[in-house]
Amino acid sequence: MTDEIREILPPHTGSAFLAMAALRPALRDEATFVRLVDDVQRAEGYRLVGVFEPAGAAARAVAGFRVGHALSFGRYLYVDDLSTLGDVRRRGYGGRLLEWLFTEARRLGCDQVRLDSGVGPTRTDAHRLYMNTGMAIAAHHFTHVLDG
């Protein structure tokens, strides 16, 4: 048997927690993660997909995504999160998830797949992955954090 990619649906949302926490360390516990995803984000169209090794209950890599529309670039699939557990990096899971997302975007009639990625020396491998799968740097992303 080989690993498989499959969508993660309730009540199995918790199977994505460890892989997601590798990217989002502010996620302190699985119950909070499941509540945020299932009660808040899924209502906004968020979906999860993961790579599972044979006989593994927890995803080794995950992607969280949603579909949106913009006047500037049409219908798109936006990748909110793409994360692989540290001990299984460089096994091709991130690239396989991106290819799955590209296929899903086509199936859903999207014109583009988009994602934002932080910058800095720790992000080099992620950026290399994105470029190697045909993604291009298309914009600068600006943020203004609002006071309470």
C-alpha atoms as a PDB file:
ATOM      1  CA  MET A   1       0.000   0.000   0.000  1.00  0.00           C
ATOM      2  CA  THR A   2       1.067   3.572  -0.625  1.00  0.00           C
ATOM      3  CA  ASP A   3       0.023   6.833   0.940  1.00  0.00           C
ATOM      4  CA  GLU A   4      -3.242   8.409  -0.211  1.00  0.00           C
ATOM      5  CA  ILE A   5      -4.679  11.883  -0.565  1.00  0.00           C
ATOM      6  CA  ARG A   6      -8.228  12.360   0.657  1.00  0.00           C
ATOM      7  CA  GLU A   7     -10.526  15.106   1.802  1.00  0.00           C
ATOM      8  CA  ILE A   8     -10.863  15.422   5.569  1.00  0.00           C
ATOM      9  CA  LEU A   9     -14.480  15.784   6.642  1.00  0.00           C
ATOM     10  CA  PRO A  10     -16.165  15.900  10.057  1.00  0.00           C
ATOM     11  CA  PRO A  11     -15.903  14.005  12.344  1.00  0.00           C
ATOM     12  CA  HIS A  12     -12.277  13.430  11.233  1.00  0.00           C
ATOM     13  CA  THR A  13     -11.097  17.067  11.275  1.00  0.00           C
ATOM     14  CA  GLY A  14      -8.785  16.321  14.203  1.00  0.00           C
ATOM     15  CA  SER A  15      -6.690  14.071  11.954  1.00  0.00           C
ATOM     16  CA  ALA A  16      -5.276  17.276  10.385  1.00  0.00           C
ATOM     17  CA  PHE A  17      -4.265  18.887  13.685  1.00  0.00           C
ATOM     18  CA  LEU A  18      -0.630  17.760  14.030  1.00  0.00           C
ATOM     19  CA  ALA A  19       0.297  18.630  10.445  1.00  0.00           C
ATOM     20  CA  MET A  20      -1.512  21.978  10.647  1.00  0.00           C
ATOM     21  CA  ALA A  21       0.098  22.847  13.972  1.00  0.00           C
ATOM     22  CA  ALA A  22       3.515  22.505  12.291  1.00  0.00           C
ATOM     23  CA  LEU A  23       2.594  25.611  10.256  1.00  0.00           C
ATOM     24  CA  ARG A  24       0.303  27.293  12.782  1.00  0.00           C
ATOM     25  CA  PRO A  25       1.980  26.932  16.199  1.00  0.00           C
ATOM     26  CA  ALA A  26      -0.611  29.221  17.795  1.00  0.00           C
ATOM     27  CA  LEU A  27      -3.035  26.279  17.526  1.00  0.00           C
ATOM     28  CA  ARG A  28      -2.669  25.042  21.083  1.00  0.00           C
ATOM     29  CA  ASP A  29      -4.946  22.025  21.147  1.00  0.00           C
ATOM     30  CA  GLU A  30      -6.855  19.729  18.840  1.00  0.00           C
ATOM     31  CA  ALA A  31     -10.303  20.523  20.278  1.00  0.00           C
ATOM     32  CA  THR A  32      -9.909  24.251  19.579  1.00  0.00           C
ATOM     33  CA  PHE A  33      -8.630  23.513  16.064  1.00  0.00           C
ATOM     34  CA  VAL A  34     -11.604  21.243  15.324  1.00  0.00           C
ATOM     35  CA  ARG A  35     -14.065  23.815  16.675  1.00  0.00           C
ATOM     36  CA  LEU A  36     -12.543  26.648  14.595  1.00  0.00           C
ATOM     37  CA  VAL A  37     -12.492  24.601  11.406  1.00  0.00           C
ATOM     38  CA  ASP A  38     -15.849  22.855  11.754  1.00  0.00           C
ATOM     39  CA  ASP A  39     -17.891  25.659  13.349  1.00  0.00           C
ATOM     40  CA  VAL A  40     -16.350  28.756  11.749  1.00  0.00           C
ATOM     41  CA  GLN A  41     -14.247  28.115   8.675  1.00  0.00           C
ATOM     42  CA  ARG A  42     -16.289  25.353   6.997  1.00  0.00           C
ATOM     43  CA  ALA A  43     -19.294  27.708   7.052  1.00  0.00           C
ATOM     44  CA  GLU A  44     -17.138  30.095   4.975  1.00  0.00           C
ATOM     45  CA  GLY A  45     -16.337  27.393   2.414  1.00  0.00           C
ATOM     46  CA  TYR A  46     -13.084  26.116   3.924  1.00  0.00           C
ATOM     47  CA  ARG A  47     -12.120  22.536   3.076  1.00  0.00           C
ATOM     48  CA  LEU A  48      -9.273  20.283   4.201  1.00  0.00           C
ATOM     49  CA  VAL A  49      -7.360  17.647   2.290  1.00  0.00           C
ATOM     50  CA  GLY A  50      -4.547  15.494   3.644  1.00  0.00           C
ATOM     51  CA  VAL A  51      -1.912  12.920   2.809  1.00  0.00           C
ATOM     52  CA  PHE A  52      -2.241   9.756   4.862  1.00  0.00           C
ATOM     53  CA  GLU A  53       0.297   6.963   5.124  1.00  0.00           C
ATOM     54  CA  PRO A  54      -0.987   3.375   5.238  1.00  0.00           C
ATOM     55  CA  ALA A  55      -2.601   2.543   8.570  1.00  0.00           C
ATOM     56  CA  GLY A  56      -2.077   6.137   9.728  1.00  0.00           C
ATOM     57  CA  ALA A  57      -4.903   7.918  11.488  1.00  0.00           C
ATOM     58  CA  ALA A  58      -3.250  11.357  11.353  1.00  0.00           C
ATOM     59  CA  ALA A  59      -2.507  13.281   8.162  1.00  0.00           C
ATOM     60  CA  ARG A  60       1.203  13.704   7.427  1.00  0.00           C
ATOM     61  CA  ALA A  61       0.572  16.802   5.304  1.00  0.00           C
ATOM     62  CA  VAL A  62      -2.519  18.972   4.890  1.00  0.00           C
ATOM     63  CA  ALA A  63      -3.939  21.779   2.812  1.00  0.00           C
ATOM     64  CA  GLY A  64      -6.794  24.057   3.786  1.00  0.00           C
ATOM     65  CA  PHE A  65      -8.492  25.912   0.951  1.00  0.00           C
ATOM     66  CA  ARG A  66     -11.611  27.682  -0.292  1.00  0.00           C
ATOM     67  CA  VAL A  67     -13.064  28.989  -3.546  1.00  0.00           C
ATOM     68  CA  GLY A  68     -13.671  32.681  -4.115  1.00  0.00           C
ATOM     69  CA  HIS A  69     -14.384  35.256  -6.794  1.00  0.00           C
ATOM     70  CA  ALA A  70     -12.591  38.533  -7.535  1.00  0.00           C
ATOM     71  CA  LEU A  71     -13.157  41.192 -10.165  1.00  0.00           C
ATOM     72  CA  SER A  72      -9.407  41.293 -10.768  1.00  0.00           C
ATOM     73  CA  PHE A  73      -8.848  37.591 -11.525  1.00  0.00           C
ATOM     74  CA  GLY A  74     -12.145  35.715 -11.671  1.00  0.00           C
ATOM     75  CA  ARG A  75     -12.993  32.477  -9.887  1.00  0.00           C
ATOM     76  CA  TYR A  76     -10.070  31.112  -7.880  1.00  0.00           C
ATOM     77  CA  LEU A  77      -9.100  28.443  -5.401  1.00  0.00           C
ATOM     78  CA  TYR A  78      -7.243  30.021  -2.485  1.00  0.00           C
ATOM     79  CA  VAL A  79      -4.854  27.915  -0.410  1.00  0.00           C
ATOM     80  CA  ASP A  80      -5.107  29.169   3.174  1.00  0.00           C
ATOM     81  CA  ASP A  81      -2.759  26.572   4.643  1.00  0.00           C
ATOM     82  CA  LEU A  82      -0.248  24.059   3.300  1.00  0.00           C
ATOM     83  CA  SER A  83       1.791  22.175   5.873  1.00  0.00           C
ATOM     84  CA  THR A  84       3.823  19.000   6.255  1.00  0.00           C
ATOM     85  CA  LEU A  85       5.021  17.439   9.499  1.00  0.00           C
ATOM     86  CA  GLY A  86       8.725  18.102   9.969  1.00  0.00           C
ATOM     87  CA  ASP A  87       9.747  14.438  10.128  1.00  0.00           C
ATOM     88  CA  VAL A  88       8.229  13.655   6.706  1.00  0.00           C
ATOM     89  CA  ARG A  89       9.296  16.720   4.724  1.00  0.00           C
ATOM     90  CA  ARG A  90      10.992  16.177   1.367  1.00  0.00           C
ATOM     91  CA  ARG A  91       8.836  13.157   0.551  1.00  0.00           C
ATOM     92  CA  GLY A  92       6.882  15.068  -2.089  1.00  0.00           C
ATOM     93  CA  TYR A  93       3.706  15.467  -0.032  1.00  0.00           C
ATOM     94  CA  GLY A  94       3.488  19.246  -0.526  1.00  0.00           C
ATOM     95  CA  GLY A  95       3.871  18.937  -4.285  1.00  0.00           C
ATOM     96  CA  ARG A  96       1.297  16.153  -4.437  1.00  0.00           C
ATOM     97  CA  LEU A  97      -1.162  18.269  -2.458  1.00  0.00           C
ATOM     98  CA  LEU A  98      -0.625  21.205  -4.809  1.00  0.00           C
ATOM     99  CA  GLU A  99      -1.231  18.979  -7.833  1.00  0.00           C
ATOM    100  CA  TRP A 100      -4.430  17.699  -6.164  1.00  0.00           C
ATOM    101  CA  LEU A 101      -5.482  21.325  -5.559  1.00  0.00           C
ATOM    102  CA  PHE A 102      -4.782  22.272  -9.202  1.00  0.00           C
ATOM    103  CA  THR A 103      -6.966  19.357 -10.336  1.00  0.00           C
ATOM    104  CA  GLU A 104      -9.729  20.290  -7.890  1.00  0.00           C
ATOM    105  CA  ALA A 105      -9.577  23.923  -9.039  1.00  0.00           C
ATOM    106  CA  ARG A 106     -10.055  22.830 -12.657  1.00  0.00           C
ATOM    107  CA  ARG A 107     -12.946  20.556 -11.624  1.00  0.00           C
ATOM    108  CA  LEU A 108     -14.588  23.490  -9.838  1.00  0.00           C
ATOM    109  CA  GLY A 109     -14.212  25.810 -12.839  1.00  0.00           C
ATOM    110  CA  CYS A 110     -11.578  28.052 -11.295  1.00  0.00           C
ATOM    111  CA  ASP A 111      -9.314  30.267 -13.381  1.00  0.00           C
ATOM    112  CA  GLN A 112      -6.428  30.311 -10.877  1.00  0.00           C
ATOM    113  CA  VAL A 113      -4.959  28.801  -7.737  1.00  0.00           C
ATOM    114  CA  ARG A 114      -3.627  31.461  -5.377  1.00  0.00           C
ATOM    115  CA  LEU A 115      -1.801  31.467  -2.050  1.00  0.00           C
ATOM    116  CA  ASP A 116       0.102  33.886   0.128  1.00  0.00           C
ATOM    117  CA  SER A 117       3.362  32.860   1.745  1.00  0.00           C
ATOM    118  CA  GLY A 118       5.367  34.578   4.426  1.00  0.00           C
ATOM    119  CA  VAL A 119       8.853  35.783   3.619  1.00  0.00           C
ATOM    120  CA  GLY A 120      12.190  35.180   5.270  1.00  0.00           C
ATOM    121  CA  PRO A 121      14.959  32.609   5.364  1.00  0.00           C
ATOM    122  CA  THR A 122      12.768  29.857   6.814  1.00  0.00           C
ATOM    123  CA  ARG A 123      10.389  30.042   3.832  1.00  0.00           C
ATOM    124  CA  THR A 124      12.928  29.258   1.069  1.00  0.00           C
ATOM    125  CA  ASP A 125      11.938  25.592   0.715  1.00  0.00           C
ATOM    126  CA  ALA A 126       8.242  26.475   0.526  1.00  0.00           C
ATOM    127  CA  HIS A 127       8.871  29.114  -2.126  1.00  0.00           C
ATOM    128  CA  ARG A 128      10.981  26.683  -4.147  1.00  0.00           C
ATOM    129  CA  LEU A 129       8.115  24.173  -4.008  1.00  0.00           C
ATOM    130  CA  TYR A 130       5.613  26.758  -5.269  1.00  0.00           C
ATOM    131  CA  MET A 131       7.868  27.837  -8.129  1.00  0.00           C
ATOM    132  CA  ASN A 132       8.649  24.215  -9.067  1.00  0.00           C
ATOM    133  CA  THR A 133       4.914  23.494  -9.419  1.00  0.00           C
ATOM    134  CA  GLY A 134       4.455  26.387 -11.850  1.00  0.00           C
ATOM    135  CA  MET A 135       3.301  29.080  -9.453  1.00  0.00           C
ATOM    136  CA  ALA A 136       4.624  32.620  -9.896  1.00  0.00           C
ATOM    137  CA  ILE A 137       4.978  35.598  -7.596  1.00  0.00           C
ATOM    138  CA  ALA A 138       2.082  37.720  -8.834  1.00  0.00           C
ATOM    139  CA  ALA A 139       1.631  40.422  -6.191  1.00  0.00           C
ATOM    140  CA  HIS A 140       2.743  41.930  -2.923  1.00  0.00           C
ATOM    141  CA  HIS A 141       0.299  41.330  -0.073  1.00  0.00           C
ATOM    142  CA  PHE A 142      -0.169  44.273   2.309  1.00  0.00           C
ATOM    143  CA  THR A 143      -1.708  44.096   5.770  1.00  0.00           C
ATOM    144  CA  HIS A 144      -2.871  46.653   8.311  1.00  0.00           C
ATOM    145  CA  VAL A 145      -3.688  45.203  11.718  1.00  0.00           C
ATOM    146  CA  LEU A 146      -6.603  47.071  13.287  1.00  0.00           C
ATOM    147  CA  ASP A 147      -6.556  48.137  16.906  1.00  0.00           C
ATOM    148  CA  GLY A 148      -9.043  46.367  19.186  1.00  0.00           C
END
